C-alpha cells in the first residue's frame, strides 16, 4: 500500500524510476538503476533539481564544491606528475651514462685530465662498447628493482585504498619518487663520494611506494569512485590523456630547460619539486572519494574475511595462499555468492587485454626508437618529434574523439529511452555494454594494423603514418580499466585495479627483456620481427576481447548488510535513512 512520506496533499508529480528487473531497451542495464535499498539499505533521494543522482554522490550531498570529489581535482596535479615522469626519462639516462662512464675510466686509471667527463655534456669518450654494456646492465637492474617491487606493492596499496581512502595513499606513492630523486641529486653532486650504484637504493624507495604504477591505479580508482558508469571510460580517458601529454611535452620541456640553464642537474630539482607539489596537493587539498561510511563498511567486510581465513589457518593450502606473491591476482578469479564462470572469464579477458595493450606498448617503445635509427637514420630530433606526435594524437583521441563517441553511443540513446518510456535512468555498475566492447575491439584492430604497417614500411612517411594508426589504440587501455570497474562492487575497485597494476608492472619488467632479446637476435636478418611479434600479441588480445560478454556483474551477497553495524556505521546509516525534511512524495511499499 502507499503511505505518505510528507504532506501528501502537496505531492508533486515525479518521474517513475526503473525497479529491479525492469529493462528499457537492449542497453538498459547500463543506465538504469534500482531505486531501492542499496548496499547500505538506504533509499535513493530526489535532488532539489528533480534529478536522481547515482549513489556515488550520496555521501557528499550538501557539501561545498571544494569538499566534493571529482575527476577534475586530479587532472592538473596528475598532469604535473606525468610531465615529471616523461621529462626525466632522457636526462636520467644521460646522467647514468656519464656517471657509469666516469666510474669506468676511474676504475681503469684511464681518466685524461685534459678530457674530463662533464655531467650533462657531450662526452665522446663514453661511446665505447664497454661503457654502453655497463649502462645497459645497470638500467636493466634499476627497471627490475622498481618494477618488481611495484608489482608487489601496487596491488596492496590498491586494496588498502578501498578501506582507508585514495588520497593519502596516492600521496604516499609520490614519497618514493621524492626519496629517489634526492639520491640521484646527491650522486650527481658528489660523484667522488657517492657511487652511482646508490641509485639502486633510490629505485628501492620508488618501488616500495608503488612507483608510477601505484599512482596510476589509485588515480583511476579515485576517478571510478566519483564518476557514473556511463561516463567512466571518458573520465579515465582524461587520466590517460594526461599520461600521454606528459610523454609528449615532458621530454621537450626538459630539453629546453636544461639548455636554458646549462646544467643537467637543474631538471632534477624541478622534478623533485613536482613530486613534492603532487604529494602535498593530493594529500591535503583533493577531497577524499571514499566516504567514511564506505571505508568502515569495507573494513568490516575485510575483518569478516580475515576471520573466515583464520578458521582455515592450519591447512597447508592456506599457508601457500598467504605466502603466494601472486595472491592479489586471485581477485581476477572470484568465487562465492554473486560470482559466475562468465564473470571470471570476463575479468581474465579484460586483464589480458590491458596487460598486452599497456605492457606491450611500454616495452616496445625503446626498441621502436632503436629500429627507426637503424632503418631511417633518425637522430634525437626525429625520434622526439615522432614520440611527441604519437602522444599528441592519443591526447586528441582521448579528450576529443572519445567524449563524442560516448555521447552519441551512450548518453543520447539513454535520453531517448527515458523520453519514450517515462523512466528516469540512474547509472549502476552492470558490466560491459556493447559500446565498451566495440571500442575495445576497434582499438585493438588499430594496433594490429599499425604493427603490420611497421612491418611493411620501408619509407619514413609510411612508418610515421603507421604510428599514427596505433595512436587510436589509446582508447583500449582506458576502456579496459573503466569496464573492469563496472564488473565488481564499488568496495573492490581498488583491489581489482591493483591486480591490473601488478600485471602492468610485471609487463614492464619482463617485456623489455623479451623485446630487446627478439630485436638483438633478428636485427641482422629480419629487423621487423619485433613488430610481427607485437602484432601477434595484439591478435591474442583481440581474440580475448571476443569472449567478453555484456552486462555481467559481481552481485555480492547482501545478507551481511543486515547484520548489526558498528556504532559509527550505525550513526551514518541512521542519518542516511532519514527522509529529507519537507520532502513531498508518496513511497510505495
Protein backbone atom coordinates (compact mmCIF):
# COMPACT_ATOMS: atom_id res chain seq x y z
CA UNK A 1 0.00 0.00 0.00
CA UNK A 2 1.05 3.60 -0.36
CA UNK A 3 1.90 5.72 2.63
CA UNK A 4 2.84 9.40 2.64
CA UNK A 5 6.37 10.47 3.41
CA UNK A 6 5.44 14.09 3.92
CA UNK A 7 2.44 16.28 3.18
CA UNK A 8 0.56 14.06 0.76
CA UNK A 9 -1.59 16.90 -0.42
CA UNK A 10 1.39 18.81 -1.76
CA UNK A 11 2.86 15.88 -3.62
CA UNK A 12 4.30 16.94 -6.93
CA UNK A 13 4.48 14.58 -9.89
CA UNK A 14 7.72 12.69 -10.30
CA UNK A 15 9.28 10.60 -12.99
CA UNK A 16 8.97 6.89 -12.36
CA UNK A 17 12.23 5.09 -11.88
CA UNK A 18 13.31 1.66 -13.06
CA UNK A 19 12.97 -1.07 -10.48
CA UNK A 20 14.68 -4.41 -10.16
CA UNK A 21 14.07 -6.47 -13.24
CA UNK A 22 12.96 -3.56 -15.44
CA UNK A 23 14.77 -3.25 -18.75
CA UNK A 24 14.35 -0.35 -21.09
CA UNK A 25 15.84 -1.16 -24.46
CA UNK A 26 18.65 -3.57 -25.12
CA UNK A 27 21.18 -1.44 -23.20
CA UNK A 28 19.02 -0.53 -20.22
CA UNK A 29 21.27 -2.22 -17.71
CA UNK A 30 24.00 0.34 -18.40
CA UNK A 31 21.96 3.36 -17.38
CA UNK A 32 19.06 2.02 -15.31
CA UNK A 33 19.29 1.74 -11.54
CA UNK A 34 17.14 0.03 -8.98
CA UNK A 35 15.87 2.72 -6.62
CA UNK A 36 15.51 0.57 -3.62
CA UNK A 37 17.82 -0.39 -0.81
CA UNK A 38 21.42 0.00 -1.81
CA UNK A 39 24.46 -1.62 -0.27
CA UNK A 40 23.74 0.27 2.91
CA UNK A 41 19.99 -0.18 2.83
CA UNK A 42 19.23 3.43 2.04
CA UNK A 43 16.55 4.73 -0.26
CA UNK A 44 17.66 6.95 -3.10
CA UNK A 45 16.71 10.58 -2.71
CA UNK A 46 15.40 13.05 -5.23
CA UNK A 47 17.63 16.08 -5.59
CA UNK A 48 16.15 19.58 -5.43
CA UNK A 49 16.61 19.99 -9.17
CA UNK A 50 14.48 16.94 -9.81
CA UNK A 51 17.34 14.68 -10.89
CA UNK A 52 18.03 11.28 -9.45
CA UNK A 53 21.77 11.12 -8.78
CA UNK A 54 23.65 7.84 -8.66
CA UNK A 55 24.79 6.58 -5.28
CA UNK A 56 28.43 7.55 -5.85
CA UNK A 57 27.49 11.10 -4.79
CA UNK A 58 25.04 10.33 -1.98
CA UNK A 59 27.62 10.58 0.80
CA UNK A 60 28.74 14.02 -0.40
CA UNK A 61 25.31 15.60 -0.80
CA UNK A 62 25.15 19.10 0.65
CA UNK A 63 28.92 19.56 0.86
CA UNK A 64 30.57 22.60 -0.77
CA UNK A 65 32.34 22.07 -4.07
CA UNK A 66 35.80 22.09 -2.51
CA UNK A 67 34.87 19.04 -0.44
CA UNK A 68 33.14 17.12 -3.24
CA UNK A 69 35.34 14.63 -5.14
CA UNK A 70 35.61 14.96 -8.91
CA UNK A 71 37.97 13.73 -11.60
CA UNK A 72 38.83 17.35 -12.36
CA UNK A 73 40.58 17.63 -8.99
CA UNK A 74 43.17 15.16 -10.28
CA UNK A 75 43.77 16.39 -13.82
CA UNK A 76 46.12 19.29 -13.02
CA UNK A 77 48.27 17.52 -10.37
CA UNK A 78 48.39 14.30 -12.39
CA UNK A 79 49.44 16.27 -15.47
CA UNK A 80 52.33 17.72 -13.44
CA UNK A 81 53.15 14.22 -12.17
CA UNK A 82 53.27 12.81 -15.70
CA UNK A 83 55.28 15.77 -17.02
CA UNK A 84 57.88 14.96 -14.38
CA UNK A 85 57.70 11.25 -15.29
CA UNK A 86 58.14 11.93 -19.00
CA UNK A 87 60.63 14.76 -18.66
CA UNK A 88 63.08 12.84 -16.50
CA UNK A 89 63.48 9.80 -18.79
CA UNK A 90 66.15 11.17 -21.15
CA UNK A 91 68.06 13.35 -18.61
CA UNK A 92 68.28 10.47 -16.15
CA UNK A 93 69.55 8.10 -18.83
CA UNK A 94 72.19 10.66 -19.84
CA UNK A 95 73.18 11.20 -16.22
CA UNK A 96 73.54 7.46 -15.65
CA UNK A 97 75.64 7.22 -18.81
CA UNK A 98 78.01 9.95 -17.59
CA UNK A 99 78.27 8.53 -14.07
CA UNK A 100 78.91 4.98 -15.30
CA UNK A 101 81.44 6.27 -17.85
CA UNK A 102 83.25 8.28 -15.18
CA UNK A 103 83.49 5.25 -12.91
CA UNK A 104 84.50 3.00 -15.83
CA UNK A 105 87.56 5.10 -16.66
CA UNK A 106 88.40 5.74 -12.99
CA UNK A 107 88.46 2.00 -12.24
CA UNK A 108 90.93 1.51 -15.08
CA UNK A 109 93.00 4.61 -14.34
CA UNK A 110 92.26 5.86 -17.85
CA UNK A 111 90.94 9.32 -17.00
CA UNK A 112 92.56 12.01 -19.10
CA UNK A 113 92.88 15.30 -17.16
CA UNK A 114 92.70 17.21 -20.43
CA UNK A 115 89.44 15.49 -21.42
CA UNK A 116 87.37 15.26 -18.24
CA UNK A 117 83.92 13.71 -18.24
CA UNK A 118 81.47 16.55 -17.60
CA UNK A 119 77.98 15.59 -16.46
CA UNK A 120 75.38 16.68 -18.99
CA UNK A 121 77.89 17.45 -21.72
CA UNK A 122 78.80 15.62 -24.89
CA UNK A 123 81.42 13.08 -23.84
CA UNK A 124 82.58 11.21 -26.98
CA UNK A 125 84.98 9.06 -24.95
CA UNK A 126 81.92 7.33 -23.43
CA UNK A 127 80.82 5.93 -26.79
CA UNK A 128 82.64 2.66 -26.41
CA UNK A 129 81.16 -0.86 -26.09
CA UNK A 130 82.36 -1.37 -22.51
CA UNK A 131 80.55 1.71 -21.21
CA UNK A 132 77.42 1.01 -23.24
CA UNK A 133 77.26 -2.53 -21.87
CA UNK A 134 77.61 -1.35 -18.25
CA UNK A 135 74.88 1.26 -18.77
CA UNK A 136 72.52 -1.30 -20.32
CA UNK A 137 73.04 -3.73 -17.43
CA UNK A 138 72.63 -1.04 -14.78
CA UNK A 139 69.41 0.37 -16.27
CA UNK A 140 68.07 -3.17 -16.51
CA UNK A 141 68.80 -3.63 -12.79
CA UNK A 142 67.02 -0.36 -11.96
CA UNK A 143 63.96 -1.34 -14.01
CA UNK A 144 63.91 -4.80 -12.47
CA UNK A 145 64.08 -3.46 -8.89
CA UNK A 146 61.46 -0.75 -9.42
CA UNK A 147 59.15 -2.94 -11.49
CA UNK A 148 59.47 -5.98 -9.23
CA UNK A 149 58.78 -4.08 -6.01
CA UNK A 150 55.94 -2.05 -7.52
CA UNK A 151 54.34 -5.30 -8.76
CA UNK A 152 54.17 -6.41 -5.12
CA UNK A 153 53.27 -3.08 -3.51
CA UNK A 154 50.85 -1.53 -6.05
CA UNK A 155 48.06 -4.13 -5.61
CA UNK A 156 48.39 -3.90 -1.83
CA UNK A 157 48.00 -0.12 -1.96
CA UNK A 158 45.01 -0.53 -4.27
CA UNK A 159 43.37 -2.93 -1.81
CA UNK A 160 44.19 -0.71 1.17
CA UNK A 161 42.66 2.29 -0.59
CA UNK A 162 39.26 0.56 -0.56
CA UNK A 163 39.42 0.56 3.25
CA UNK A 164 41.36 3.73 4.09
CA UNK A 165 40.74 6.07 1.17
CA UNK A 166 42.60 7.01 -2.01
CA UNK A 167 44.19 10.41 -1.44
CA UNK A 168 46.57 9.65 1.45
CA UNK A 169 47.90 6.53 -0.29
CA UNK A 170 48.19 8.48 -3.53
CA UNK A 171 50.39 10.98 -1.67
CA UNK A 172 52.40 8.08 -0.24
CA UNK A 173 53.03 6.76 -3.76
CA UNK A 174 54.88 10.01 -4.56
CA UNK A 175 57.13 9.81 -1.48
CA UNK A 176 59.29 7.13 -3.07
CA UNK A 177 59.87 9.34 -6.09
CA UNK A 178 60.97 12.19 -3.80
CA UNK A 179 63.50 9.98 -2.00
CA UNK A 180 64.72 8.54 -5.30
CA UNK A 181 65.32 11.97 -6.83
CA UNK A 182 67.14 13.13 -3.70
CA UNK A 183 69.56 10.22 -4.01
CA UNK A 184 70.01 10.98 -7.72
CA UNK A 185 70.86 14.62 -6.95
CA UNK A 186 73.35 13.61 -4.25
CA UNK A 187 75.03 11.09 -6.58
CA UNK A 188 75.33 13.73 -9.30
CA UNK A 189 76.64 16.47 -6.99
CA UNK A 190 79.08 14.24 -5.12
CA UNK A 191 80.20 11.60 -7.64
CA UNK A 192 83.55 11.14 -5.88
CA UNK A 193 81.82 10.40 -2.57
CA UNK A 194 78.59 8.66 -3.55
CA UNK A 195 78.92 5.81 -6.03
CA UNK A 196 76.38 5.69 -8.84
CA UNK A 197 75.29 2.26 -7.63
CA UNK A 198 73.48 4.04 -4.79
CA UNK A 199 70.83 4.83 -7.40
CA UNK A 200 69.63 1.28 -6.81
CA UNK A 201 68.56 2.43 -3.32
CA UNK A 202 66.51 5.17 -4.96
CA UNK A 203 64.87 2.52 -7.15
CA UNK A 204 64.10 0.53 -3.99
CA UNK A 205 62.41 3.54 -2.38
CA UNK A 206 60.44 4.19 -5.57
CA UNK A 207 59.33 0.57 -5.86
CA UNK A 208 58.45 0.28 -2.15
CA UNK A 209 55.83 3.00 -2.54
CA UNK A 210 54.43 1.52 -5.74
CA UNK A 211 56.18 3.86 -8.20
CA UNK A 212 54.25 5.25 -11.14
CA UNK A 213 52.13 2.08 -11.30
CA UNK A 214 50.53 2.72 -7.90
CA UNK A 215 49.94 6.38 -8.68
CA UNK A 216 48.22 5.44 -11.92
CA UNK A 217 45.87 2.81 -10.48
CA UNK A 218 44.97 4.96 -7.47
CA UNK A 219 44.09 7.85 -9.78
CA UNK A 220 41.86 5.50 -11.77
CA UNK A 221 40.27 4.20 -8.57
CA UNK A 222 39.55 7.77 -7.47
CA UNK A 223 38.03 8.51 -10.88
CA UNK A 224 35.87 5.40 -10.66
CA UNK A 225 34.56 6.47 -7.24
CA UNK A 226 33.28 9.85 -8.36
CA UNK A 227 32.16 9.11 -11.93
CA UNK A 228 28.95 7.31 -13.00
CA UNK A 229 29.45 4.14 -15.08
CA UNK A 230 28.08 5.71 -18.27
CA UNK A 231 30.84 8.34 -18.26
CA UNK A 232 33.61 6.42 -16.50
CA UNK A 233 35.57 5.40 -19.60
CA UNK A 234 35.72 9.03 -20.74
CA UNK A 235 36.94 10.21 -17.33
CA UNK A 236 39.61 7.52 -17.14
CA UNK A 237 40.47 8.53 -20.71
CA UNK A 238 41.24 12.01 -19.35
CA UNK A 239 43.71 10.44 -16.91
CA UNK A 240 45.38 8.52 -19.75
CA UNK A 241 45.44 11.71 -21.83
CA UNK A 242 47.42 13.38 -19.04
CA UNK A 243 49.89 10.49 -19.21
CA UNK A 244 50.38 10.82 -22.95
CA UNK A 245 50.57 14.61 -22.68
CA UNK A 246 53.38 14.15 -20.17
CA UNK A 247 55.18 11.82 -22.55
CA UNK A 248 54.66 14.30 -25.40
CA UNK A 249 55.69 17.54 -23.69
CA UNK A 250 57.84 16.30 -20.80
CA UNK A 251 60.98 15.46 -22.82
CA UNK A 252 60.58 18.63 -24.90
CA UNK A 253 60.22 20.94 -21.89
CA UNK A 254 63.02 19.16 -20.05
CA UNK A 255 65.35 19.55 -23.03
CA UNK A 256 64.69 23.27 -23.34
CA UNK A 257 65.04 23.77 -19.58
CA UNK A 258 68.42 22.03 -19.47
CA UNK A 259 69.57 24.05 -22.46
CA UNK A 260 68.37 27.29 -20.86
CA UNK A 261 70.05 26.62 -17.51
CA UNK A 262 73.13 24.93 -18.95
CA UNK A 263 73.01 22.43 -16.09
CA UNK A 264 71.68 18.88 -16.39
CA UNK A 265 71.10 18.71 -12.65
CA UNK A 266 68.60 21.59 -12.74
CA UNK A 267 65.86 19.41 -14.21
CA UNK A 268 66.14 17.01 -11.26
CA UNK A 269 65.41 19.85 -8.83
CA UNK A 270 62.31 20.69 -10.89
CA UNK A 271 61.15 17.07 -10.85
CA UNK A 272 61.74 16.90 -7.10
CA UNK A 273 59.53 19.96 -6.71
CA UNK A 274 56.83 18.40 -8.94
CA UNK A 275 56.76 15.27 -6.78
CA UNK A 276 56.52 17.37 -3.62
CA UNK A 277 53.70 19.56 -5.01
CA UNK A 278 51.77 16.49 -6.15
CA UNK A 279 52.16 14.83 -2.75
CA UNK A 280 51.02 17.91 -0.82
CA UNK A 281 48.12 18.71 -3.13
CA UNK A 282 46.56 15.24 -3.21
CA UNK A 283 47.27 14.65 0.47
CA UNK A 284 45.80 17.90 1.83
CA UNK A 285 43.67 19.56 -0.87
CA UNK A 286 41.99 16.92 -3.04
CA UNK A 287 38.72 15.69 -1.40
CA UNK A 288 38.63 12.03 -0.47
CA UNK A 289 36.45 9.96 -2.81
CA UNK A 290 35.74 7.04 -0.44
CA UNK A 291 33.42 8.30 2.28
CA UNK A 292 33.97 7.38 5.91
CA UNK A 293 30.86 5.22 5.82
CA UNK A 294 32.15 3.18 2.86
CA UNK A 295 35.60 2.88 4.43
CA UNK A 296 34.07 1.48 7.61
CA UNK A 297 31.91 -0.94 5.65
CA UNK A 298 34.93 -2.14 3.66
CA UNK A 299 36.98 -2.60 6.83
CA UNK A 300 34.15 -4.54 8.43
CA UNK A 301 33.95 -6.83 5.41
CA UNK A 302 37.72 -7.25 5.44
CA UNK A 303 37.64 -8.27 9.12
CA UNK A 304 35.00 -10.88 8.35
CA UNK A 305 37.14 -12.27 5.55
CA UNK A 306 40.16 -12.40 7.89
CA UNK A 307 38.16 -14.31 10.49
CA UNK A 308 36.98 -16.73 7.81
CA UNK A 309 40.58 -17.30 6.71
CA UNK A 310 41.69 -17.75 10.32
CA UNK A 311 39.44 -20.79 10.68
CA UNK A 312 41.39 -22.37 7.82
CA UNK A 313 44.80 -21.15 9.01
CA UNK A 314 46.09 -24.60 9.92
CA UNK A 315 45.80 -26.10 6.45
CA UNK A 316 48.74 -26.28 4.06
CA UNK A 317 46.60 -24.72 1.30
CA UNK A 318 46.02 -21.65 3.45
CA UNK A 319 49.74 -21.31 4.20
CA UNK A 320 50.57 -21.46 0.50
CA UNK A 321 47.84 -18.96 -0.33
CA UNK A 322 49.01 -16.47 2.30
CA UNK A 323 52.65 -16.64 1.18
CA UNK A 324 51.88 -16.53 -2.54
CA UNK A 325 53.29 -13.30 -4.08
CA UNK A 326 50.67 -13.57 -6.83
CA UNK A 327 47.79 -13.67 -4.35
CA UNK A 328 46.48 -10.23 -5.48
CA UNK A 329 45.61 -11.81 -8.83
CA UNK A 330 43.02 -14.04 -7.11
CA UNK A 331 40.51 -11.21 -7.46
CA UNK A 332 40.52 -11.98 -11.21
CA UNK A 333 39.03 -15.42 -10.45
CA UNK A 334 36.48 -14.75 -7.68
CA UNK A 335 34.29 -17.41 -6.16
CA UNK A 336 31.38 -17.30 -3.79
CA UNK A 337 27.93 -15.70 -3.81
CA UNK A 338 27.21 -13.40 -6.73
CA UNK A 339 30.02 -14.70 -8.96
CA UNK A 340 29.83 -16.89 -12.03
CA UNK A 341 32.03 -18.54 -14.62
CA UNK A 342 31.02 -15.86 -17.10
CA UNK A 343 32.23 -13.15 -14.68
CA UNK A 344 35.57 -14.89 -14.19
CA UNK A 345 36.09 -15.24 -17.94
CA UNK A 346 35.32 -11.54 -18.43
CA UNK A 347 37.78 -10.44 -15.73
CA UNK A 348 40.61 -12.61 -17.05
CA UNK A 349 39.99 -11.49 -20.64
CA UNK A 350 40.00 -7.81 -19.64
CA UNK A 351 43.18 -8.29 -17.60
CA UNK A 352 44.89 -9.97 -20.56
CA UNK A 353 43.86 -7.15 -22.89
CA UNK A 354 45.07 -4.45 -20.50
CA UNK A 355 48.42 -6.13 -19.82
CA UNK A 356 49.08 -6.57 -23.55
CA UNK A 357 47.99 -3.04 -24.51
CA UNK A 358 49.95 -1.15 -21.85
CA UNK A 359 52.75 -3.64 -21.22
CA UNK A 360 53.43 -4.24 -24.90
CA UNK A 361 53.39 -0.54 -25.72
CA UNK A 362 55.80 0.46 -22.96
CA UNK A 363 58.12 -2.49 -23.58
CA UNK A 364 58.31 -1.98 -27.34
CA UNK A 365 58.79 1.81 -27.18
CA UNK A 366 62.60 1.84 -26.77
CA UNK A 367 63.00 -0.82 -29.46
CA UNK A 368 60.92 1.25 -31.90
CA UNK A 369 63.33 4.14 -31.39
CA UNK A 370 66.32 1.84 -31.98
CA UNK A 371 64.70 0.48 -35.13
CA UNK A 372 63.91 3.93 -36.51
CA UNK A 373 67.51 5.00 -36.00
CA UNK A 374 68.78 1.84 -37.67
CA UNK A 375 66.42 1.90 -40.68
CA UNK A 376 65.91 5.62 -41.29
CA UNK A 377 68.94 7.19 -39.54
CA UNK A 378 66.71 9.14 -37.19
CA UNK A 379 68.51 11.23 -34.59
CA UNK A 380 67.23 12.68 -31.32
CA UNK A 381 65.20 15.37 -33.08
CA UNK A 382 63.36 12.99 -35.45
CA UNK A 383 62.74 10.43 -32.69
CA UNK A 384 61.46 13.11 -30.29
CA UNK A 385 59.19 14.52 -32.99
CA UNK A 386 57.73 11.05 -33.66
CA UNK A 387 57.08 10.34 -29.95
CA UNK A 388 55.55 13.79 -29.40
CA UNK A 389 53.28 13.47 -32.45
CA UNK A 390 52.19 9.96 -31.42
CA UNK A 391 51.39 11.09 -27.89
CA UNK A 392 49.53 14.20 -29.06
CA UNK A 393 47.30 12.17 -31.39
CA UNK A 394 46.44 9.95 -28.43
CA UNK A 395 45.61 13.00 -26.33
CA UNK A 396 43.28 14.30 -29.08
CA UNK A 397 41.61 10.90 -29.41
CA UNK A 398 41.09 10.51 -25.65
CA UNK A 399 39.97 14.07 -24.88
CA UNK A 400 38.23 14.96 -28.16
CA UNK A 401 37.00 11.89 -30.02
CA UNK A 402 36.22 9.63 -27.06
CA UNK A 403 33.72 12.01 -25.35
CA UNK A 404 31.87 12.46 -28.67
CA UNK A 405 31.65 8.69 -29.20
CA UNK A 406 30.40 8.24 -25.63
CA UNK A 407 27.79 10.97 -26.05
CA UNK A 408 26.30 9.64 -29.27
CA UNK A 409 26.75 5.99 -28.38
CA UNK A 410 25.59 6.01 -24.77
CA UNK A 411 24.20 9.29 -23.43
CA UNK A 412 21.88 10.17 -26.31
CA UNK A 413 20.35 6.66 -26.56
CA UNK A 414 19.74 6.68 -22.80
CA UNK A 415 17.98 10.05 -23.05
CA UNK A 416 15.86 8.76 -25.92
CA UNK A 417 14.85 5.66 -23.93
CA UNK A 418 13.92 7.87 -20.98
CA UNK A 419 11.74 10.04 -23.20
CA UNK A 420 9.96 7.09 -24.78
CA UNK A 421 9.44 5.05 -21.61
CA UNK A 422 8.98 7.74 -18.99
CA UNK A 423 11.60 6.01 -16.85
CA UNK A 424 14.35 8.16 -15.39
CA UNK A 425 17.57 6.12 -15.71
CA UNK A 426 20.13 6.09 -12.92
CA UNK A 427 23.58 4.62 -13.50
CA UNK A 428 24.60 1.36 -11.90
CA UNK A 429 27.57 -0.92 -12.27
CA UNK A 430 26.27 -3.62 -14.61
CA UNK A 431 29.30 -4.85 -16.50
CA UNK A 432 30.41 -4.04 -20.02
CA UNK A 433 27.92 -2.77 -22.56
CA UNK A 434 28.10 -3.11 -26.33
CA UNK A 435 29.81 0.24 -26.78
CA UNK A 436 32.62 -0.80 -24.41
CA UNK A 437 33.25 -3.98 -26.35
CA UNK A 438 33.19 -2.28 -29.76
CA UNK A 439 35.57 0.48 -28.66
CA UNK A 440 37.99 -2.10 -27.26
CA UNK A 441 37.92 -4.17 -30.44
CA UNK A 442 38.37 -1.16 -32.72
CA UNK A 443 41.33 -0.01 -30.59
CA UNK A 444 42.96 -3.45 -30.82
CA UNK A 445 42.37 -3.59 -34.57
CA UNK A 446 44.12 -0.23 -34.95
CA UNK A 447 47.09 -1.60 -33.01
CA UNK A 448 47.22 -4.68 -35.24
CA UNK A 449 47.03 -2.62 -38.43
CA UNK A 450 49.66 -0.20 -37.15
CA UNK A 451 52.07 -3.02 -36.32
CA UNK A 452 51.54 -4.57 -39.75
CA UNK A 453 52.29 -1.13 -41.21
CA UNK A 454 55.55 -1.07 -39.24
CA UNK A 455 56.47 -4.45 -40.72
CA UNK A 456 55.80 -3.34 -44.30
CA UNK A 457 57.09 0.24 -44.02
CA UNK A 458 60.24 0.96 -45.98
CA UNK A 459 59.84 4.74 -46.02
CA UNK A 460 59.73 7.30 -43.23
CA UNK A 461 56.28 8.56 -44.26
CA UNK A 462 54.69 5.10 -44.11
CA UNK A 463 56.40 4.35 -40.80
CA UNK A 464 55.16 7.67 -39.36
CA UNK A 465 51.63 7.03 -40.63
CA UNK A 466 51.61 3.54 -39.11
CA UNK A 467 52.46 5.07 -35.75
CA UNK A 468 49.52 7.45 -36.03
CA UNK A 469 47.21 4.46 -36.66
CA UNK A 470 48.40 2.81 -33.44
CA UNK A 471 47.53 6.04 -31.60
CA UNK A 472 43.87 5.00 -31.76
CA UNK A 473 44.86 2.09 -29.53
CA UNK A 474 44.97 4.56 -26.63
CA UNK A 475 41.21 4.02 -26.35
CA UNK A 476 41.83 0.38 -25.44
CA UNK A 477 43.56 0.85 -22.09
CA UNK A 478 41.06 3.46 -20.88
CA UNK A 479 38.17 1.20 -21.90
CA UNK A 480 39.51 -1.96 -20.24
CA UNK A 481 40.17 -0.22 -16.92
CA UNK A 482 36.81 1.55 -16.90
CA UNK A 483 34.96 -1.61 -17.91
CA UNK A 484 36.51 -3.81 -15.24
CA UNK A 485 35.37 -1.38 -12.51
CA UNK A 486 31.80 -1.92 -13.73
CA UNK A 487 32.14 -5.68 -13.15
CA UNK A 488 32.83 -5.53 -9.39
CA UNK A 489 31.24 -3.93 -6.31
CA UNK A 490 32.46 -0.42 -5.55
CA UNK A 491 34.35 -1.52 -2.44
CA UNK A 492 36.54 -3.81 -4.60
CA UNK A 493 37.52 -1.28 -7.27
CA UNK A 494 40.92 -0.57 -5.73
CA UNK A 495 41.58 -4.29 -5.35
CA UNK A 496 40.75 -5.15 -8.96
CA UNK A 497 42.73 -2.21 -10.34
CA UNK A 498 45.59 -3.24 -8.06
CA UNK A 499 45.65 -6.62 -9.77
CA UNK A 500 45.75 -4.84 -13.13
CA UNK A 501 48.62 -2.71 -11.83
CA UNK A 502 50.52 -5.83 -10.81
CA UNK A 503 50.24 -7.22 -14.34
CA UNK A 504 51.34 -3.87 -15.79
CA UNK A 505 54.38 -3.77 -13.51
CA UNK A 506 55.33 -7.34 -14.39
CA UNK A 507 54.99 -6.47 -18.07
CA UNK A 508 57.36 -3.54 -17.55
CA UNK A 509 59.92 -5.97 -16.10
CA UNK A 510 59.57 -8.89 -18.49
CA UNK A 511 58.61 -7.01 -21.65
CA UNK A 512 61.87 -5.10 -22.26
CA UNK A 513 63.92 -8.26 -21.78
CA UNK A 514 61.79 -10.19 -24.29
CA UNK A 515 61.51 -7.46 -26.91
CA UNK A 516 65.15 -6.42 -26.69
CA UNK A 517 66.12 -10.07 -26.98
CA UNK A 518 63.98 -10.52 -30.09
CA UNK A 519 65.41 -7.39 -31.68
CA UNK A 520 69.00 -8.34 -30.88
CA UNK A 521 68.50 -11.82 -32.35
CA UNK A 522 66.82 -10.66 -35.58
CA UNK A 523 68.28 -7.22 -36.34
CA UNK A 524 70.73 -8.62 -38.89
CA UNK A 525 68.25 -10.84 -40.72
CA UNK A 526 64.69 -9.55 -40.22
CA UNK A 527 64.62 -6.41 -38.02
CA UNK A 528 60.84 -6.12 -38.45
CA UNK A 529 60.36 -9.31 -36.41
CA UNK A 530 59.74 -7.21 -33.30
CA UNK A 531 56.63 -5.69 -34.89
CA UNK A 532 55.39 -9.08 -36.08
CA UNK A 533 55.66 -10.34 -32.50
CA UNK A 534 53.86 -7.25 -31.21
CA UNK A 535 51.09 -7.72 -33.78
CA UNK A 536 50.74 -11.33 -32.61
CA UNK A 537 50.23 -10.15 -29.04
CA UNK A 538 47.54 -7.72 -30.13
CA UNK A 539 45.83 -10.51 -32.06
CA UNK A 540 45.73 -12.54 -28.82
CA UNK A 541 44.21 -9.52 -27.05
CA UNK A 542 41.64 -9.11 -29.83
CA UNK A 543 40.63 -12.77 -29.58
CA UNK A 544 40.33 -12.34 -25.79
CA UNK A 545 38.01 -9.37 -26.32
CA UNK A 546 35.66 -11.59 -28.33
CA UNK A 547 34.86 -13.75 -25.28
CA UNK A 548 33.75 -10.76 -23.16
CA UNK A 549 30.00 -10.77 -22.65
CA UNK A 550 27.89 -7.75 -21.79
CA UNK A 551 26.02 -6.98 -18.56
CA UNK A 552 27.91 -9.43 -16.32
CA UNK A 553 28.37 -8.08 -12.79
CA UNK A 554 29.53 -9.37 -9.42
CA UNK A 555 26.44 -9.12 -7.22
CA UNK A 556 27.76 -9.75 -3.73
CA UNK A 557 25.56 -11.37 -1.11
CA UNK A 558 23.76 -8.57 0.72
CA UNK A 559 22.99 -10.53 3.89
CA UNK A 560 25.99 -9.09 5.66
CA UNK A 561 24.43 -5.66 5.39
CA UNK A 562 21.53 -6.77 7.56
CA UNK A 563 23.82 -7.63 10.48
CA UNK A 564 24.24 -5.15 13.32
CA UNK A 565 26.52 -2.30 12.35
CA UNK A 566 29.36 -0.84 14.31
CA UNK A 567 28.46 2.22 16.36
CA UNK A 568 29.96 4.67 13.90
CA UNK A 569 28.42 2.90 10.93
CA UNK A 570 25.04 2.91 12.68
CA UNK A 571 25.25 6.66 13.04
CA UNK A 572 25.91 7.05 9.34
CA UNK A 573 23.10 4.64 8.46
CA UNK A 574 20.60 6.42 10.72
CA UNK A 575 21.34 9.78 9.18
CA UNK A 576 21.21 8.38 5.68
CA UNK A 577 17.91 6.55 6.19
CA UNK A 578 16.07 9.61 7.47
CA UNK A 579 13.93 11.13 4.71
CA UNK A 580 14.64 14.75 3.82
CA UNK A 581 12.55 17.19 5.87
CA UNK A 582 9.67 18.60 3.92
CA UNK A 583 10.08 16.24 1.00
CA UNK A 584 6.71 15.71 -0.61
CA UNK A 585 6.39 12.31 -2.16
CA UNK A 586 4.48 9.04 -1.90
CA UNK A 587 6.52 5.90 -1.33
CA UNK A 588 5.20 2.55 -2.49
CA UNK A 589 5.72 -0.45 -0.25
